[in-house]
Structures are given as C-alpha cells and as structure tokens.
C-alpha atoms as a PDB file:
ATOM      1  CA  MET A   1     -87.077  84.637 -13.609  1.00  0.00           C
ATOM      2  CA  GLU A   2     -85.548  81.227 -14.453  1.00  0.00           C
ATOM      3  CA  VAL A   3     -82.217  82.336 -12.941  1.00  0.00           C
ATOM      4  CA  ILE A   4     -83.948  83.299  -9.695  1.00  0.00           C
ATOM      5  CA  ALA A   5     -85.881  80.028  -9.657  1.00  0.00           C
ATOM      6  CA  ASP A   6     -82.744  77.939 -10.204  1.00  0.00           C
ATOM      7  CA  HIS A   7     -80.870  79.828  -7.484  1.00  0.00           C
ATOM      8  CA  ARG A   8     -83.758  79.149  -5.113  1.00  0.00           C
ATOM      9  CA  ASN A   9     -83.678  75.463  -6.104  1.00  0.00           C
ATOM     10  CA  GLU A  10     -79.947  75.327  -5.317  1.00  0.00           C
ATOM     11  CA  LEU A  11     -80.551  76.892  -1.913  1.00  0.00           C
ATOM     12  CA  ASN A  12     -83.280  74.345  -1.202  1.00  0.00           C
ATOM     13  CA  ALA A  13     -80.976  71.486  -2.234  1.00  0.00           C
ATOM     14  CA  ALA A  14     -78.190  72.903  -0.062  1.00  0.00           C
ATOM     15  CA  GLY A  15     -80.561  73.052   2.894  1.00  0.00           C
ATOM     16  CA  ALA A  16     -81.709  69.490   2.289  1.00  0.00           C
ATOM     17  CA  PHE A  17     -78.213  68.024   2.154  1.00  0.00           C
ATOM     18  CA  THR A  18     -76.989  70.134   5.052  1.00  0.00           C
ATOM     19  CA  GLY A  19     -79.878  68.722   7.072  1.00  0.00           C
ATOM     20  CA  GLN A  20     -78.868  65.189   6.094  1.00  0.00           C
ATOM     21  CA  SER A  21     -75.094  65.694   6.294  1.00  0.00           C
ATOM     22  CA  GLY A  22     -74.696  64.473   9.872  1.00  0.00           C
ATOM     23  CA  ILE A  23     -76.310  61.104   9.125  1.00  0.00           C
ATOM     24  CA  PHE A  24     -75.524  60.791   5.408  1.00  0.00           C
ATOM     25  CA  ASP A  25     -72.637  58.339   5.755  1.00  0.00           C
ATOM     26  CA  ASP A  26     -74.520  56.191   8.268  1.00  0.00           C
ATOM     27  CA  LEU A  27     -77.535  56.024   5.945  1.00  0.00           C
ATOM     28  CA  TYR A  28     -75.629  54.788   2.933  1.00  0.00           C
ATOM     29  CA  SER A  29     -72.303  53.280   3.974  1.00  0.00           C
ATOM     30  CA  ALA A  30     -73.716  49.815   4.716  1.00  0.00           C
ATOM     31  CA  ASN A  31     -75.664  49.530   1.447  1.00  0.00           C
ATOM     32  CA  THR A  32     -74.040  46.768  -0.632  1.00  0.00           C
ATOM     33  CA  ILE A  33     -75.149  48.189  -3.979  1.00  0.00           C
ATOM     34  CA  ILE A  34     -73.923  51.676  -3.098  1.00  0.00           C
ATOM     35  CA  GLY A  35     -70.582  50.046  -2.358  1.00  0.00           C
ATOM     36  CA  TYR A  36     -70.735  48.377  -5.762  1.00  0.00           C
ATOM     37  CA  LYS A  37     -71.494  51.714  -7.425  1.00  0.00           C
ATOM     38  CA  ARG A  38     -68.593  53.464  -5.707  1.00  0.00           C
ATOM     39  CA  GLN A  39     -66.193  50.725  -6.723  1.00  0.00           C
ATOM     40  CA  ARG A  40     -67.361  50.927 -10.329  1.00  0.00           C
ATOM     41  CA  VAL A  41     -66.972  54.714 -10.413  1.00  0.00           C
ATOM     42  CA  ARG A  42     -63.514  54.629  -8.830  1.00  0.00           C
ATOM     43  CA  THR A  43     -62.287  51.933 -11.206  1.00  0.00           C
ATOM     44  CA  HIS A  44     -63.559  54.017 -14.114  1.00  0.00           C
ATOM     45  CA  VAL A  45     -61.870  57.204 -12.899  1.00  0.00           C
ATOM     46  CA  LEU A  46     -58.540  55.605 -12.030  1.00  0.00           C
ATOM     47  CA  LYS A  47     -58.139  54.428 -15.638  1.00  0.00           C
ATOM     48  CA  TYR A  48     -57.626  58.043 -16.651  1.00  0.00           C
ATOM     49  CA  LEU A  49     -55.506  59.379 -13.782  1.00  0.00           C
ATOM     50  CA  SER A  50     -51.737  59.641 -13.822  1.00  0.00           C
ATOM     51  CA  ALA A  51     -49.774  59.557 -10.564  1.00  0.00           C
ATOM     52  CA  GLY A  52     -50.118  62.722  -8.503  1.00  0.00           C
ATOM     53  CA  SER A  53     -52.998  64.183 -10.513  1.00  0.00           C
ATOM     54  CA  THR A  54     -54.969  67.259  -9.443  1.00  0.00           C
ATOM     55  CA  ILE A  55     -58.736  66.833  -9.124  1.00  0.00           C
ATOM     56  CA  LEU A  56     -61.582  69.336  -8.912  1.00  0.00           C
ATOM     57  CA  GLU A  57     -64.563  67.576  -7.359  1.00  0.00           C
ATOM     58  CA  LEU A  58     -68.017  69.072  -7.824  1.00  0.00           C
ATOM     59  CA  ASN A  59     -70.799  68.287  -5.307  1.00  0.00           C
ATOM     60  CA  SER A  60     -68.231  66.528  -3.119  1.00  0.00           C
ATOM     61  CA  GLY A  61     -70.684  65.726  -0.334  1.00  0.00           C
ATOM     62  CA  THR A  62     -69.193  64.350   2.863  1.00  0.00           C
ATOM     63  CA  GLY A  63     -65.842  63.767   1.194  1.00  0.00           C
ATOM     64  CA  VAL A  64     -65.880  59.993   0.803  1.00  0.00           C
ATOM     65  CA  ASP A  65     -64.472  60.165  -2.708  1.00  0.00           C
ATOM     66  CA  ALA A  66     -62.104  63.044  -1.961  1.00  0.00           C
ATOM     67  CA  VAL A  67     -60.518  61.034   0.850  1.00  0.00           C
ATOM     68  CA  PHE A  68     -60.270  57.960  -1.365  1.00  0.00           C
ATOM     69  CA  PHE A  69     -58.509  59.758  -4.222  1.00  0.00           C
ATOM     70  CA  ALA A  70     -56.240  61.581  -1.783  1.00  0.00           C
ATOM     71  CA  GLY A  71     -55.324  58.186  -0.379  1.00  0.00           C
ATOM     72  CA  GLN A  72     -54.270  57.200  -3.901  1.00  0.00           C
ATOM     73  CA  GLY A  73     -51.821  60.102  -3.961  1.00  0.00           C
ATOM     74  CA  HIS A  74     -53.905  62.669  -5.846  1.00  0.00           C
ATOM     75  CA  LYS A  75     -54.530  66.275  -4.812  1.00  0.00           C
ATOM     76  CA  VAL A  76     -58.237  67.131  -4.475  1.00  0.00           C
ATOM     77  CA  HIS A  77     -60.074  70.458  -4.319  1.00  0.00           C
ATOM     78  CA  ALA A  78     -63.539  69.488  -3.068  1.00  0.00           C
ATOM     79  CA  THR A  79     -66.441  71.861  -3.703  1.00  0.00           C
ATOM     80  CA  ASP A  80     -70.068  71.781  -2.616  1.00  0.00           C
ATOM     81  CA  ILE A  81     -72.907  74.232  -2.044  1.00  0.00           C
ATOM     82  CA  SER A  82     -73.912  72.609   1.264  1.00  0.00           C
ATOM     83  CA  PRO A  83     -72.149  73.975   4.373  1.00  0.00           C
ATOM     84  CA  GLY A  84     -73.051  70.841   6.306  1.00  0.00           C
ATOM     85  CA  MET A  85     -71.481  68.569   3.712  1.00  0.00           C
ATOM     86  CA  GLN A  86     -68.334  70.705   3.662  1.00  0.00           C
ATOM     87  CA  GLU A  87     -68.121  70.428   7.446  1.00  0.00           C
ATOM     88  CA  GLN A  88     -68.290  66.622   7.253  1.00  0.00           C
ATOM     89  CA  LEU A  89     -65.652  66.650   4.529  1.00  0.00           C
ATOM     90  CA  MET A  90     -63.213  68.666   6.601  1.00  0.00           C
ATOM     91  CA  ARG A  91     -63.750  66.379   9.607  1.00  0.00           C
ATOM     92  CA  LYS A  92     -62.557  63.498   7.454  1.00  0.00           C
ATOM     93  CA  VAL A  93     -59.615  65.552   6.193  1.00  0.00           C
ATOM     94  CA  ARG A  94     -58.521  66.315   9.755  1.00  0.00           C
ATOM     95  CA  LYS A  95     -59.081  62.734  10.895  1.00  0.00           C
ATOM     96  CA  HIS A  96     -56.923  61.317   8.110  1.00  0.00           C
ATOM     97  CA  GLN A  97     -54.400  64.192   8.220  1.00  0.00           C
ATOM     98  CA  LEU A  98     -54.938  65.063   4.570  1.00  0.00           C
ATOM     99  CA  GLY A  99     -54.877  68.846   4.916  1.00  0.00           C
ATOM    100  CA  GLU A 100     -51.917  69.209   2.555  1.00  0.00           C
ATOM    101  CA  ILE A 101     -53.590  67.426  -0.355  1.00  0.00           C
ATOM    102  CA  VAL A 102     -57.337  67.998   0.176  1.00  0.00           C
ATOM    103  CA  SER A 103     -58.699  71.541   0.109  1.00  0.00           C
ATOM    104  CA  ASN A 104     -62.303  72.687   0.062  1.00  0.00           C
ATOM    105  CA  GLU A 105     -64.429  75.544  -1.154  1.00  0.00           C
ATOM    106  CA  LEU A 106     -68.103  76.388  -0.664  1.00  0.00           C
ATOM    107  CA  CYS A 107     -69.142  77.014  -4.246  1.00  0.00           C
ATOM    108  CA  SER A 108     -71.984  76.085  -6.589  1.00  0.00           C
ATOM    109  CA  TYR A 109     -71.051  74.296  -9.787  1.00  0.00           C
ATOM    110  CA  THR A 110     -73.217  76.855 -11.624  1.00  0.00           C
ATOM    111  CA  ASN A 111     -70.863  79.559 -10.362  1.00  0.00           C
ATOM    112  CA  LEU A 112     -67.468  78.103 -11.245  1.00  0.00           C
ATOM    113  CA  ASP A 113     -66.387  81.358 -12.875  1.00  0.00           C
ATOM    114  CA  HIS A 114     -66.078  82.660  -9.305  1.00  0.00           C
ATOM    115  CA  LEU A 115     -64.184  79.647  -8.000  1.00  0.00           C
ATOM    116  CA  LYS A 116     -61.200  80.889  -5.985  1.00  0.00           C
ATOM    117  CA  ASN A 117     -59.002  77.875  -6.780  1.00  0.00           C
ATOM    118  CA  LYS A 118     -59.184  77.685 -10.566  1.00  0.00           C
ATOM    119  CA  GLY A 119     -56.447  75.082 -10.884  1.00  0.00           C
ATOM    120  CA  PRO A 120     -55.960  74.174 -13.660  1.00  0.00           C
ATOM    121  CA  TYR A 121     -56.800  70.540 -12.955  1.00  0.00           C
ATOM    122  CA  ASP A 122     -56.095  67.161 -14.521  1.00  0.00           C
ATOM    123  CA  LEU A 123     -59.592  65.869 -13.734  1.00  0.00           C
ATOM    124  CA  ILE A 124     -62.990  67.408 -13.012  1.00  0.00           C
ATOM    125  CA  PHE A 125     -65.222  64.855 -11.291  1.00  0.00           C
ATOM    126  CA  SER A 126     -68.871  64.823 -10.242  1.00  0.00           C
ATOM    127  CA  ASN A 127     -70.376  61.719  -8.681  1.00  0.00           C
ATOM    128  CA  PHE A 128     -73.849  60.294  -8.094  1.00  0.00           C
ATOM    129  CA  ALA A 129     -76.132  62.775  -9.840  1.00  0.00           C
ATOM    130  CA  GLY A 130     -75.170  65.986  -8.084  1.00  0.00           C
ATOM    131  CA  LEU A 131     -75.405  67.674 -11.484  1.00  0.00           C
ATOM    132  CA  ASN A 132     -78.992  66.495 -11.849  1.00  0.00           C
ATOM    133  CA  CYS A 133     -79.959  69.128  -9.277  1.00  0.00           C
ATOM    134  CA  THR A 134     -79.755  71.961 -11.820  1.00  0.00           C
ATOM    135  CA  ASN A 135     -81.537  72.903 -15.025  1.00  0.00           C
ATOM    136  CA  GLU A 136     -78.424  74.903 -15.973  1.00  0.00           C
ATOM    137  CA  LEU A 137     -76.169  71.973 -16.801  1.00  0.00           C
ATOM    138  CA  ASP A 138     -75.217  73.724 -20.040  1.00  0.00           C
ATOM    139  CA  LYS A 139     -73.757  76.564 -17.963  1.00  0.00           C
ATOM    140  CA  VAL A 140     -71.756  74.118 -15.859  1.00  0.00           C
ATOM    141  CA  LEU A 141     -70.385  72.317 -18.908  1.00  0.00           C
ATOM    142  CA  ALA A 142     -69.390  75.588 -20.602  1.00  0.00           C
ATOM    143  CA  SER A 143     -67.220  76.514 -17.598  1.00  0.00           C
ATOM    144  CA  LEU A 144     -65.192  73.271 -17.543  1.00  0.00           C
ATOM    145  CA  PRO A 145     -62.598  73.722 -20.337  1.00  0.00           C
ATOM    146  CA  ALA A 146     -60.999  76.791 -18.733  1.00  0.00           C
ATOM    147  CA  LEU A 147     -60.431  74.853 -15.492  1.00  0.00           C
ATOM    148  CA  LEU A 148     -58.592  71.919 -17.111  1.00  0.00           C
ATOM    149  CA  ASN A 149     -55.017  71.343 -18.169  1.00  0.00           C
ATOM    150  CA  PRO A 150     -54.405  70.350 -21.809  1.00  0.00           C
ATOM    151  CA  ASN A 151     -55.648  66.751 -22.263  1.00  0.00           C
ATOM    152  CA  GLY A 152     -57.508  67.060 -18.941  1.00  0.00           C
ATOM    153  CA  ILE A 153     -60.400  64.703 -18.211  1.00  0.00           C
ATOM    154  CA  VAL A 154     -64.016  65.283 -17.202  1.00  0.00           C
ATOM    155  CA  THR A 155     -65.866  62.374 -15.538  1.00  0.00           C
ATOM    156  CA  LEU A 156     -69.541  62.828 -14.665  1.00  0.00           C
ATOM    157  CA  VAL A 157     -71.988  60.359 -13.100  1.00  0.00           C
ATOM    158  CA  ILE A 158     -75.486  61.344 -14.200  1.00  0.00           C
ATOM    159  CA  LEU A 159     -79.088  60.100 -14.039  1.00  0.00           C
ATOM    160  CA  PRO A 160     -80.430  59.550 -17.599  1.00  0.00           C
ATOM    161  CA  LYS A 161     -83.999  59.970 -18.803  1.00  0.00           C
ATOM    162  CA  PHE A 162     -84.653  56.233 -18.962  1.00  0.00           C
ATOM    163  CA  CYS A 163     -83.880  53.580 -16.361  1.00  0.00           C
ATOM    164  CA  LEU A 164     -84.721  49.958 -17.151  1.00  0.00           C
ATOM    165  CA  TRP A 165     -85.275  48.954 -13.529  1.00  0.00           C
ATOM    166  CA  GLU A 166     -87.551  51.905 -12.786  1.00  0.00           C
ATOM    167  CA  THR A 167     -89.675  51.181 -15.851  1.00  0.00           C
ATOM    168  CA  LEU A 168     -90.083  47.561 -14.737  1.00  0.00           C
ATOM    169  CA  LEU A 169     -91.586  48.851 -11.472  1.00  0.00           C
ATOM    170  CA  LEU A 170     -94.678  49.549 -13.569  1.00  0.00           C
ATOM    171  CA  PHE A 171     -95.533  45.867 -13.128  1.00  0.00           C
ATOM    172  CA  LYS A 172     -95.551  46.351  -9.354  1.00  0.00           C
ATOM    173  CA  GLY A 173     -97.972  49.229  -9.629  1.00  0.00           C
ATOM    174  CA  ARG A 174     -95.374  51.886  -8.822  1.00  0.00           C
ATOM    175  CA  PHE A 175     -96.484  54.139 -11.662  1.00  0.00           C
ATOM    176  CA  GLN A 176     -95.043  57.383 -10.319  1.00  0.00           C
ATOM    177  CA  THR A 177     -91.547  55.903  -9.999  1.00  0.00           C
ATOM    178  CA  ALA A 178     -91.802  54.038 -13.306  1.00  0.00           C
ATOM    179  CA  PHE A 179     -92.561  57.186 -15.309  1.00  0.00           C
ATOM    180  CA  ARG A 180     -90.876  59.943 -13.310  1.00  0.00           C
ATOM    181  CA  ARG A 181     -87.998  60.346 -15.766  1.00  0.00           C
ATOM    182  CA  PHE A 182     -90.151  60.367 -18.898  1.00  0.00           C
ATOM    183  CA  PHE A 183     -92.050  63.528 -18.006  1.00  0.00           C
ATOM    184  CA  SER A 184     -89.309  65.547 -16.353  1.00  0.00           C
ATOM    185  CA  SER A 185     -88.660  68.491 -18.684  1.00  0.00           C
ATOM    186  CA  LYS A 186     -89.753  70.889 -15.931  1.00  0.00           C
ATOM    187  CA  GLY A 187     -87.979  68.924 -13.205  1.00  0.00           C
ATOM    188  CA  ARG A 188     -89.170  66.337 -10.696  1.00  0.00           C
ATOM    189  CA  THR A 189     -89.522  67.245  -7.049  1.00  0.00           C
ATOM    190  CA  ALA A 190     -87.354  65.543  -4.431  1.00  0.00           C
ATOM    191  CA  HIS A 191     -87.935  65.764  -0.670  1.00  0.00           C
ATOM    192  CA  ILE A 192     -85.113  65.443   1.875  1.00  0.00           C
ATOM    193  CA  GLU A 193     -85.122  66.577   5.508  1.00  0.00           C
ATOM    194  CA  GLY A 194     -88.143  68.830   5.054  1.00  0.00           C
ATOM    195  CA  HIS A 195     -86.735  70.575   1.966  1.00  0.00           C
ATOM    196  CA  TYR A 196     -88.189  70.314  -1.524  1.00  0.00           C
ATOM    197  CA  PHE A 197     -86.048  70.786  -4.621  1.00  0.00           C
ATOM    198  CA  LYS A 198     -86.155  69.740  -8.246  1.00  0.00           C
ATOM    199  CA  CYS A 199     -84.044  67.312 -10.253  1.00  0.00           C
ATOM    200  CA  TRP A 200     -83.652  67.012 -14.005  1.00  0.00           C
ATOM    201  CA  TYR A 201     -82.509  64.080 -16.142  1.00  0.00           C
ATOM    202  CA  TYR A 202     -79.897  64.242 -18.915  1.00  0.00           C
ATOM    203  CA  ASN A 203     -78.923  61.685 -21.528  1.00  0.00           C
ATOM    204  CA  PRO A 204     -75.275  61.360 -22.658  1.00  0.00           C
ATOM    205  CA  SER A 205     -76.153  63.061 -25.945  1.00  0.00           C
ATOM    206  CA  TYR A 206     -76.967  66.262 -24.050  1.00  0.00           C
ATOM    207  CA  ILE A 207     -73.410  66.374 -22.711  1.00  0.00           C
ATOM    208  CA  THR A 208     -71.613  65.262 -25.861  1.00  0.00           C
ATOM    209  CA  ARG A 209     -73.426  67.841 -28.027  1.00  0.00           C
ATOM    210  CA  ARG A 210     -72.410  70.686 -25.744  1.00  0.00           C
ATOM    211  CA  LEU A 211     -68.801  69.596 -25.345  1.00  0.00           C
ATOM    212  CA  LYS A 212     -68.052  68.241 -28.821  1.00  0.00           C
ATOM    213  CA  GLY A 213     -66.078  71.324 -29.836  1.00  0.00           C
ATOM    214  CA  SER A 214     -63.729  71.096 -26.865  1.00  0.00           C
ATOM    215  CA  PHE A 215     -63.704  67.406 -25.861  1.00  0.00           C
ATOM    216  CA  ASP A 216     -63.438  63.887 -27.246  1.00  0.00           C
ATOM    217  CA  VAL A 217     -65.550  61.159 -25.649  1.00  0.00           C
ATOM    218  CA  LEU A 218     -63.429  58.456 -24.010  1.00  0.00           C
ATOM    219  CA  SER A 219     -66.075  56.194 -22.498  1.00  0.00           C
ATOM    220  CA  ILE A 220     -69.736  55.883 -21.558  1.00  0.00           C
ATOM    221  CA  GLU A 221     -70.698  53.129 -19.103  1.00  0.00           C
ATOM    222  CA  GLY A 222     -74.083  52.185 -17.758  1.00  0.00           C
ATOM    223  CA  LEU A 223     -74.244  51.895 -13.967  1.00  0.00           C
ATOM    224  CA  CYS A 224     -76.971  49.818 -12.300  1.00  0.00           C
ATOM    225  CA  THR A 225     -78.420  48.791 -15.636  1.00  0.00           C
ATOM    226  CA  LEU A 226     -78.823  45.118 -14.717  1.00  0.00           C
ATOM    227  CA  VAL A 227     -77.797  45.422 -11.074  1.00  0.00           C
ATOM    228  CA  PRO A 228     -80.827  47.013  -9.368  1.00  0.00           C
ATOM    229  CA  PRO A 229     -80.742  50.567  -8.029  1.00  0.00           C
ATOM    230  CA  SER A 230     -79.580  50.906  -4.440  1.00  0.00           C
ATOM    231  CA  TYR A 231     -83.037  51.990  -3.236  1.00  0.00           C
ATOM    232  CA  ILE A 232     -84.263  48.424  -3.834  1.00  0.00           C
ATOM    233  CA  GLU A 233     -83.010  47.588  -0.386  1.00  0.00           C
ATOM    234  CA  GLY A 234     -81.745  44.183   0.572  1.00  0.00           C
ATOM    235  CA  PHE A 235     -81.597  42.771  -2.965  1.00  0.00           C
ATOM    236  CA  ALA A 236     -77.924  41.781  -2.736  1.00  0.00           C
ATOM    237  CA  GLU A 237     -78.400  40.156   0.679  1.00  0.00           C
ATOM    238  CA  LYS A 238     -81.663  38.358  -0.111  1.00  0.00           C
ATOM    239  CA  ARG A 239     -80.633  37.143  -3.581  1.00  0.00           C
ATOM    240  CA  PRO A 240     -76.823  36.837  -3.559  1.00  0.00           C
ATOM    241  CA  SER A 241     -76.654  34.453  -6.530  1.00  0.00           C
ATOM    242  CA  ALA A 242     -78.845  36.717  -8.665  1.00  0.00           C
ATOM    243  CA  TYR A 243     -76.876  39.767  -7.561  1.00  0.00           C
ATOM    244  CA  ASN A 244     -73.537  38.201  -8.514  1.00  0.00           C
ATOM    245  CA  PHE A 245     -74.936  37.024 -11.867  1.00  0.00           C
ATOM    246  CA  LEU A 246     -76.255  40.511 -12.660  1.00  0.00           C
ATOM    247  CA  LYS A 247     -72.932  42.109 -11.698  1.00  0.00           C
ATOM    248  CA  GLN A 248     -71.077  39.827 -14.099  1.00  0.00           C
ATOM    249  CA  ALA A 249     -73.593  40.447 -16.879  1.00  0.00           C
ATOM    250  CA  GLU A 250     -73.451  44.202 -16.363  1.00  0.00           C
ATOM    251  CA  ASP A 251     -69.674  44.131 -16.516  1.00  0.00           C
ATOM    252  CA  GLN A 252     -69.909  42.496 -19.942  1.00  0.00           C
ATOM    253  CA  LEU A 253     -72.551  44.900 -21.272  1.00  0.00           C
ATOM    254  CA  LYS A 254     -71.725  48.200 -19.539  1.00  0.00           C
ATOM    255  CA  THR A 255     -70.239  49.937 -22.604  1.00  0.00           C
ATOM    256  CA  ARG A 256     -72.572  48.416 -25.209  1.00  0.00           C
ATOM    257  CA  TRP A 257     -75.637  49.963 -26.749  1.00  0.00           C
ATOM    258  CA  PRO A 258     -78.321  50.218 -25.389  1.00  0.00           C
ATOM    259  CA  TRP A 259     -77.180  49.085 -21.927  1.00  0.00           C
ATOM    260  CA  ARG A 260     -74.797  51.994 -21.448  1.00  0.00           C
ATOM    261  CA  VAL A 261     -77.649  54.534 -21.542  1.00  0.00           C
ATOM    262  CA  MET A 262     -80.449  52.785 -19.641  1.00  0.00           C
ATOM    263  CA  GLY A 263     -79.016  52.313 -16.161  1.00  0.00           C
ATOM    264  CA  ASP A 264     -79.957  54.135 -13.000  1.00  0.00           C
ATOM    265  CA  TYR A 265     -76.840  56.202 -13.819  1.00  0.00           C
ATOM    266  CA  TYR A 266     -74.248  56.413 -16.544  1.00  0.00           C
ATOM    267  CA  MET A 267     -70.599  57.415 -16.281  1.00  0.00           C
ATOM    268  CA  ILE A 268     -69.193  59.561 -19.056  1.00  0.00           C
ATOM    269  CA  SER A 269     -65.537  60.558 -19.443  1.00  0.00           C
ATOM    270  CA  LEU A 270     -64.226  63.070 -21.994  1.00  0.00           C
ATOM    271  CA  ARG A 271     -60.758  64.383 -22.782  1.00  0.00           C
ATOM    272  CA  LYS A 272     -60.075  68.031 -23.501  1.00  0.00           C
ATOM    273  CA  LYS A 273     -58.770  68.539 -27.035  1.00  0.00           C
END
C-alpha cells in the first residue's frame, strides 16, 4: 500500500508542477535570495566538475540549471516527472541551440532503474529539494552508484528536519511553519496549483548512512542558515546592509557545525569509491 501511496504522491506533485510550469520562472527569477541560492549551489558544484563532464540532473524543472551547466561546456541529461517542466526545459534548449549537449527524459527519480540513458555520468545532481517529495529516498540513493563513473560525484540540495529561521518564526506566532519540520515523519502536505502532495525532511546523516559503503563525503554546506529563506520576501531589498552582513557570515560558517545542518537547505556532495 505504501508503494501505491507514494506513486500517487508523485503523480500529484507532477500535476502541481506541470500546472505551475508556465509561470515558474516568472515567479522566482526576480527573487534576490533565490538568485543567491542558485549562485551558491553552482559554485559548490563547479568545484567538483572537470571540463566536459557528463551530468544526470534529477527533478530538472524548467531547465535553468541544465542550461547553465551546458553553457559551461558540460553535457546534461535532464530528467523530471512533470511533463510541463520538461516542455519548458526543451523550449530553453531550442532557444539556446543546446540540443547536442542537453537531452531530456520524462522519468521519476524513484524509477531510475528504467532510465533509458543510463550514462554512466560524472555527476548526479538534484537541486532545491526535489528529493524531498518522496518517502522513498533510500530507493533513489541505492540506484545512484550504478549510474556513475568511477570517482563520480553526487550533489544533492535537500531540506533538513530543522531550520533556524523557521523556528524563529515561533516568535511571530507562525506556529505551523515553525514546527512543520519537527513532526514530519508521515510527510507534510504542500499545495500548488490546486494539487496536494506530501514532502518529507532528511538530515545529512540519513544520506551518509545509506551511501557510506559506496561513497566518501566531500562536503556538507548549510544554505540559507543565516541568510533568510527566499519566502521571506523583500528582505534583501528592505534591509540590504543586514542581507550583505548575513551573506558574509554564512560564507564563513557554512561548513561548520552546527550551521551546516540547520539552514533552509543543505548541500551535500559525495564521491563514489
């Protein structure tokens, strides 16, 4: 029954993001903190990529990252379960004439055994909590080694079970947001474009325990630990001095305990043994 329920959850998430796909870039492209997050993620990933690397992107969305990495000379196979997101991705590919180095496939990350393009790849990449939309993350992680070249890299951007900024919202009376990650073992419901689906939260230890036999941890960085989450709209514009101070402080603390595990997200990179 859990398999059926998770498949239904994936279908609901696919419907939600397909419904939002046409306006997704417009909704988020002008958000200063989202821009900050993307820059941080890209800087992190590029540390581990050699020239002309091959990338498998999971939950690729509208293709913003796929186009960026292709522009850096890497070959990207972009996968997503949302037909609408895949359509937006391919529009970008055609617009930028990237058809020779960006390919796509409609595929769930819980079904990578059936992926048509199995690589192998130099990097498997998942950005901005796409993997939080499943309670079968263990299944996803188990399928990664076979898709990677020797010494290949996995970089995942995940929502942890504790976020400092969300907890501080308790003092503004936003109790549901402040505690939503604490009591999430059965998933928390999200609502997008009339579709309801569940999300789960995973600490870095969940990933490292399941991959320790096949991977070595390279880096764990907190993301939006001191810089506020992007849904606190207008923070960077209304308080530019505070925003710049918090960016600098986060840069100093991003890999240190406990800051690396208490952000809105964390980035974790591992190398295949």
